[in-house]
């Protein structure tokens, strides 16, 4: 496994585009810290984002993993390009000629996905600790270590999403078309969700039950938006008569659904590669 992972990392690092995108992703993650310095001072209206509690433990785990998951597209491009380059540069065929089996080839890609997801999760963990201890009003160890399940949700979400991107890269062979397919799939899921929610099942939870099994929707459900949890947002909602009953937790069944899709995407990737004439 170490040999397979080493081969993939060399391919990524020697490709300038992939190297730049990977570095850009982690640099952008550090920009989360800049949110603390954002201040709005418009006369009587003053807003300092750090003072709103976004970096308070344990809320910071939810906030940072949600923001970081938005930036995952940068690594998704790396994953898709990684597969497209195999076809463009003929390295896939060369690896197979050199003795690598197709199963080992898919395994090497999945190990890279695991590494990307793990490094990203550890990075967010360290960044959150730094920001939390710098700005949080609560630094008791019990509070600091609560809600760490958001990190698990973030890790699983990245693995599932990158596995989907790997499958698209193998299916389409061209990074631009694969990313386009990803966008189209996202739109299709959005349209189906809208039809189920507002047309077919407008007064029940059946639509939510069905859509939770959609690939991208299941990944999205792992970490829902955190902003409506903020006290200032809750107080505004209370004043205008909006009751917040949203469930913000990372649930076991959501993890299982995403892991199932992860397995499906990797098996489909292997099946495509196995049956394709290279």
Protein backbone atom coordinates (compact mmCIF):
# COMPACT_ATOMS: atom_id res chain seq x y z
CA UNK A 1 0.00 0.00 0.00
CA UNK A 2 2.86 2.35 0.79
CA UNK A 3 4.27 1.75 -2.70
CA UNK A 4 0.91 2.45 -4.37
CA UNK A 5 0.41 5.64 -2.38
CA UNK A 6 3.94 6.80 -3.12
CA UNK A 7 3.36 6.38 -6.87
CA UNK A 8 0.17 8.47 -6.75
CA UNK A 9 1.70 11.24 -4.68
CA UNK A 10 4.62 11.51 -7.09
CA UNK A 11 2.18 11.86 -10.00
CA UNK A 12 0.28 14.64 -8.21
CA UNK A 13 3.33 16.53 -7.02
CA UNK A 14 5.05 16.42 -10.43
CA UNK A 15 1.93 17.87 -12.08
CA UNK A 16 2.08 21.64 -11.67
CA UNK A 17 -1.69 22.14 -11.86
CA UNK A 18 -2.45 19.52 -9.23
CA UNK A 19 0.31 20.84 -6.99
CA UNK A 20 -1.00 24.42 -7.19
CA UNK A 21 -4.61 23.37 -6.54
CA UNK A 22 -3.65 21.26 -3.53
CA UNK A 23 -1.59 24.06 -1.99
CA UNK A 24 -4.34 26.58 -2.79
CA UNK A 25 -6.89 24.41 -0.96
CA UNK A 26 -4.91 24.32 2.27
CA UNK A 27 -4.00 28.00 2.01
CA UNK A 28 -7.68 28.88 1.62
CA UNK A 29 -8.50 26.79 4.70
CA UNK A 30 -6.20 29.01 6.75
CA UNK A 31 -8.18 32.01 5.52
CA UNK A 32 -10.95 30.89 7.87
CA UNK A 33 -8.84 32.63 10.52
CA UNK A 34 -9.31 35.93 8.66
CA UNK A 35 -13.01 35.78 9.44
CA UNK A 36 -12.06 36.74 12.99
CA UNK A 37 -10.78 40.10 11.77
CA UNK A 38 -13.90 41.04 9.78
CA UNK A 39 -15.69 44.00 11.35
CA UNK A 40 -18.62 46.06 10.11
CA UNK A 41 -19.02 49.52 11.57
CA UNK A 42 -21.95 51.38 10.02
CA UNK A 43 -22.86 53.97 12.63
CA UNK A 44 -25.18 52.32 15.13
CA UNK A 45 -24.74 48.96 13.41
CA UNK A 46 -21.54 47.27 14.51
CA UNK A 47 -20.67 43.67 13.81
CA UNK A 48 -17.56 41.73 14.73
CA UNK A 49 -17.89 38.15 13.50
CA UNK A 50 -15.53 36.71 16.11
CA UNK A 51 -17.66 38.25 18.86
CA UNK A 52 -20.77 36.51 17.49
CA UNK A 53 -19.45 33.25 18.88
CA UNK A 54 -18.48 31.49 15.65
CA UNK A 55 -15.16 30.50 17.22
CA UNK A 56 -16.62 29.38 20.54
CA UNK A 57 -16.16 25.77 21.54
CA UNK A 58 -17.92 23.52 20.61
CA UNK A 59 -19.66 25.52 17.85
CA UNK A 60 -16.33 26.03 16.06
CA UNK A 61 -16.21 22.34 15.08
CA UNK A 62 -19.50 22.72 13.24
CA UNK A 63 -18.64 26.08 11.67
CA UNK A 64 -15.13 25.24 10.47
CA UNK A 65 -16.00 21.83 9.01
CA UNK A 66 -18.95 23.36 7.15
CA UNK A 67 -16.87 26.19 5.67
CA UNK A 68 -14.01 23.82 4.82
CA UNK A 69 -16.38 21.41 3.06
CA UNK A 70 -17.39 24.22 0.70
CA UNK A 71 -13.77 24.45 -0.44
CA UNK A 72 -13.53 20.73 -1.21
CA UNK A 73 -14.04 21.48 -4.91
CA UNK A 74 -10.34 22.37 -5.18
CA UNK A 75 -9.30 18.86 -4.17
CA UNK A 76 -12.13 17.45 -6.29
CA UNK A 77 -10.49 19.05 -9.33
CA UNK A 78 -7.22 17.38 -8.31
CA UNK A 79 -8.93 13.99 -8.04
CA UNK A 80 -10.67 14.34 -11.42
CA UNK A 81 -7.51 15.68 -13.09
CA UNK A 82 -5.49 12.88 -11.52
CA UNK A 83 -7.66 10.37 -13.36
CA UNK A 84 -7.89 12.36 -16.60
CA UNK A 85 -4.09 12.67 -16.73
CA UNK A 86 -3.79 8.90 -16.56
CA UNK A 87 -5.51 8.70 -19.94
CA UNK A 88 -3.92 11.84 -21.42
CA UNK A 89 -0.33 10.90 -20.56
CA UNK A 90 -0.72 7.14 -20.96
CA UNK A 91 0.46 6.47 -17.38
CA UNK A 92 -2.49 4.15 -16.74
CA UNK A 93 -1.50 1.84 -19.56
CA UNK A 94 2.16 2.06 -18.53
CA UNK A 95 1.34 1.15 -14.92
CA UNK A 96 -0.56 -1.91 -16.11
CA UNK A 97 2.29 -2.90 -18.43
CA UNK A 98 4.70 -2.56 -15.50
CA UNK A 99 2.72 -5.14 -13.55
CA UNK A 100 0.16 -3.15 -11.57
CA UNK A 101 -3.25 -4.81 -11.59
CA UNK A 102 -6.42 -2.84 -12.19
CA UNK A 103 -7.49 -3.59 -8.62
CA UNK A 104 -4.22 -2.14 -7.33
CA UNK A 105 -4.70 0.88 -9.56
CA UNK A 106 -8.12 1.67 -8.06
CA UNK A 107 -6.73 0.96 -4.59
CA UNK A 108 -3.93 3.46 -5.16
CA UNK A 109 -6.49 6.12 -6.08
CA UNK A 110 -8.64 5.33 -3.05
CA UNK A 111 -5.61 5.49 -0.75
CA UNK A 112 -4.89 8.95 -2.15
CA UNK A 113 -8.48 9.95 -1.42
CA UNK A 114 -8.14 8.67 2.15
CA UNK A 115 -4.91 10.60 2.60
CA UNK A 116 -6.40 13.84 1.26
CA UNK A 117 -9.42 13.46 3.55
CA UNK A 118 -7.30 12.59 6.59
CA UNK A 119 -4.79 15.43 6.12
CA UNK A 120 -7.62 17.90 5.55
CA UNK A 121 -9.42 16.73 8.70
CA UNK A 122 -6.28 16.94 10.84
CA UNK A 123 -5.58 20.38 9.39
CA UNK A 124 -9.07 21.61 10.34
CA UNK A 125 -8.71 20.05 13.80
CA UNK A 126 -5.47 21.94 14.48
CA UNK A 127 -6.76 25.18 12.97
CA UNK A 128 -9.94 24.97 15.04
CA UNK A 129 -7.98 24.39 18.24
CA UNK A 130 -5.82 27.45 17.55
CA UNK A 131 -8.80 29.69 16.74
CA UNK A 132 -10.89 28.27 19.54
CA UNK A 133 -8.32 28.83 22.27
CA UNK A 134 -7.69 32.31 20.85
CA UNK A 135 -11.31 33.50 20.69
CA UNK A 136 -13.61 31.07 22.53
CA UNK A 137 -15.31 32.11 25.75
CA UNK A 138 -15.33 28.48 26.85
CA UNK A 139 -12.08 26.55 27.06
CA UNK A 140 -12.93 23.82 29.57
CA UNK A 141 -11.64 20.49 28.24
CA UNK A 142 -15.09 18.89 28.36
CA UNK A 143 -16.55 21.63 26.18
CA UNK A 144 -13.54 21.69 23.85
CA UNK A 145 -13.81 17.97 23.14
CA UNK A 146 -17.58 17.89 22.65
CA UNK A 147 -19.11 17.81 19.17
CA UNK A 148 -15.99 16.27 17.63
CA UNK A 149 -18.36 14.12 15.58
CA UNK A 150 -18.39 17.00 13.07
CA UNK A 151 -14.79 16.11 12.24
CA UNK A 152 -15.86 12.51 11.60
CA UNK A 153 -18.71 13.77 9.42
CA UNK A 154 -16.28 16.01 7.52
CA UNK A 155 -13.86 13.10 6.98
CA UNK A 156 -16.61 10.78 5.69
CA UNK A 157 -18.05 13.55 3.52
CA UNK A 158 -14.70 14.13 1.80
CA UNK A 159 -14.15 10.41 1.20
CA UNK A 160 -17.62 10.03 -0.34
CA UNK A 161 -17.34 13.15 -2.50
CA UNK A 162 -13.84 12.36 -3.76
CA UNK A 163 -14.89 8.76 -4.55
CA UNK A 164 -17.72 10.19 -6.65
CA UNK A 165 -15.22 12.44 -8.43
CA UNK A 166 -12.92 9.48 -9.06
CA UNK A 167 -15.79 7.54 -10.60
CA UNK A 168 -16.66 10.50 -12.87
CA UNK A 169 -13.01 10.85 -13.87
CA UNK A 170 -12.91 7.22 -14.97
CA UNK A 171 -16.34 7.37 -16.60
CA UNK A 172 -15.77 10.54 -18.65
CA UNK A 173 -11.94 10.53 -19.00
CA UNK A 174 -11.78 14.33 -19.36
CA UNK A 175 -11.57 16.55 -16.28
CA UNK A 176 -13.65 19.41 -17.71
CA UNK A 177 -16.46 17.07 -18.78
CA UNK A 178 -16.31 15.19 -15.47
CA UNK A 179 -16.67 18.42 -13.49
CA UNK A 180 -19.47 19.46 -15.84
CA UNK A 181 -21.20 16.15 -15.18
CA UNK A 182 -20.79 16.79 -11.44
CA UNK A 183 -22.52 20.16 -11.83
CA UNK A 184 -25.32 18.66 -13.92
CA UNK A 185 -25.83 15.89 -11.36
CA UNK A 186 -26.07 18.49 -8.60
CA UNK A 187 -28.70 20.39 -10.59
CA UNK A 188 -30.65 17.17 -11.27
CA UNK A 189 -30.70 16.33 -7.56
CA UNK A 190 -31.85 19.87 -6.78
CA UNK A 191 -34.70 19.67 -9.30
CA UNK A 192 -35.82 16.25 -8.04
CA UNK A 193 -35.67 17.46 -4.45
CA UNK A 194 -37.77 20.50 -5.34
CA UNK A 195 -40.38 18.39 -7.15
CA UNK A 196 -40.62 15.87 -4.31
CA UNK A 197 -40.72 18.55 -1.61
CA UNK A 198 -43.08 21.12 -3.11
CA UNK A 199 -45.13 19.17 -5.65
CA UNK A 200 -45.48 15.50 -4.74
CA UNK A 201 -45.10 15.51 -0.93
CA UNK A 202 -45.63 19.14 0.14
CA UNK A 203 -47.10 18.39 3.57
CA UNK A 204 -45.03 15.47 4.78
CA UNK A 205 -41.47 14.36 5.52
CA UNK A 206 -41.53 11.69 2.80
CA UNK A 207 -39.53 13.90 0.41
CA UNK A 208 -36.76 14.40 2.97
CA UNK A 209 -36.71 10.64 3.64
CA UNK A 210 -36.30 9.89 -0.09
CA UNK A 211 -33.77 12.60 -0.92
CA UNK A 212 -31.48 11.64 1.96
CA UNK A 213 -30.44 8.67 -0.20
CA UNK A 214 -29.33 10.87 -3.14
CA UNK A 215 -25.50 10.83 -3.42
CA UNK A 216 -24.74 14.54 -3.09
CA UNK A 217 -27.68 15.21 -0.80
CA UNK A 218 -26.55 12.46 1.58
CA UNK A 219 -23.11 14.05 1.75
CA UNK A 220 -24.65 17.47 2.33
CA UNK A 221 -26.77 16.08 5.17
CA UNK A 222 -23.68 15.05 7.12
CA UNK A 223 -22.93 18.67 8.04
CA UNK A 224 -25.87 21.07 7.72
CA UNK A 225 -25.48 24.85 7.74
CA UNK A 226 -24.45 26.19 11.18
CA UNK A 227 -25.44 29.85 10.91
CA UNK A 228 -28.99 29.50 12.23
CA UNK A 229 -27.49 28.10 15.45
CA UNK A 230 -25.95 31.46 16.32
CA UNK A 231 -27.69 33.26 19.16
CA UNK A 232 -28.02 36.49 17.17
CA UNK A 233 -29.77 34.63 14.34
CA UNK A 234 -32.02 32.79 16.79
CA UNK A 235 -33.02 36.05 18.48
CA UNK A 236 -33.93 37.59 15.11
CA UNK A 237 -35.96 34.51 14.24
CA UNK A 238 -37.79 34.70 17.57
CA UNK A 239 -38.65 38.36 17.04
CA UNK A 240 -40.18 37.69 13.62
CA UNK A 241 -41.96 34.55 14.80
CA UNK A 242 -39.82 31.88 13.12
CA UNK A 243 -39.24 28.80 15.25
CA UNK A 244 -35.98 26.94 14.60
CA UNK A 245 -36.46 23.17 14.83
CA UNK A 246 -33.57 22.15 12.58
CA UNK A 247 -31.54 19.09 13.55
CA UNK A 248 -27.83 19.96 13.42
CA UNK A 249 -26.39 16.63 14.55
CA UNK A 250 -24.13 14.24 12.65
CA UNK A 251 -26.19 11.06 12.54
CA UNK A 252 -25.05 7.47 12.27
CA UNK A 253 -27.53 6.68 9.50
CA UNK A 254 -26.20 9.59 7.42
CA UNK A 255 -22.67 8.22 7.77
CA UNK A 256 -23.84 4.76 6.71
CA UNK A 257 -25.56 6.15 3.59
CA UNK A 258 -22.43 8.05 2.50
CA UNK A 259 -20.20 5.04 3.20
CA UNK A 260 -22.55 2.90 1.08
CA UNK A 261 -22.23 5.38 -1.81
CA UNK A 262 -18.45 5.41 -1.31
CA UNK A 263 -18.37 1.63 -1.71
CA UNK A 264 -20.68 1.80 -4.75
CA UNK A 265 -18.58 4.47 -6.49
CA UNK A 266 -15.33 2.59 -5.95
CA UNK A 267 -16.83 -0.70 -7.10
CA UNK A 268 -18.22 1.02 -10.20
CA UNK A 269 -14.83 2.60 -10.84
CA UNK A 270 -13.19 -0.80 -10.69
CA UNK A 271 -15.90 -2.37 -12.88
CA UNK A 272 -15.49 0.36 -15.52
CA UNK A 273 -11.72 -0.01 -15.54
CA UNK A 274 -11.91 -3.79 -15.61
CA UNK A 275 -14.28 -3.90 -18.59
CA UNK A 276 -12.71 -1.05 -20.54
CA UNK A 277 -10.29 -1.73 -23.37
CA UNK A 278 -7.23 0.39 -22.60
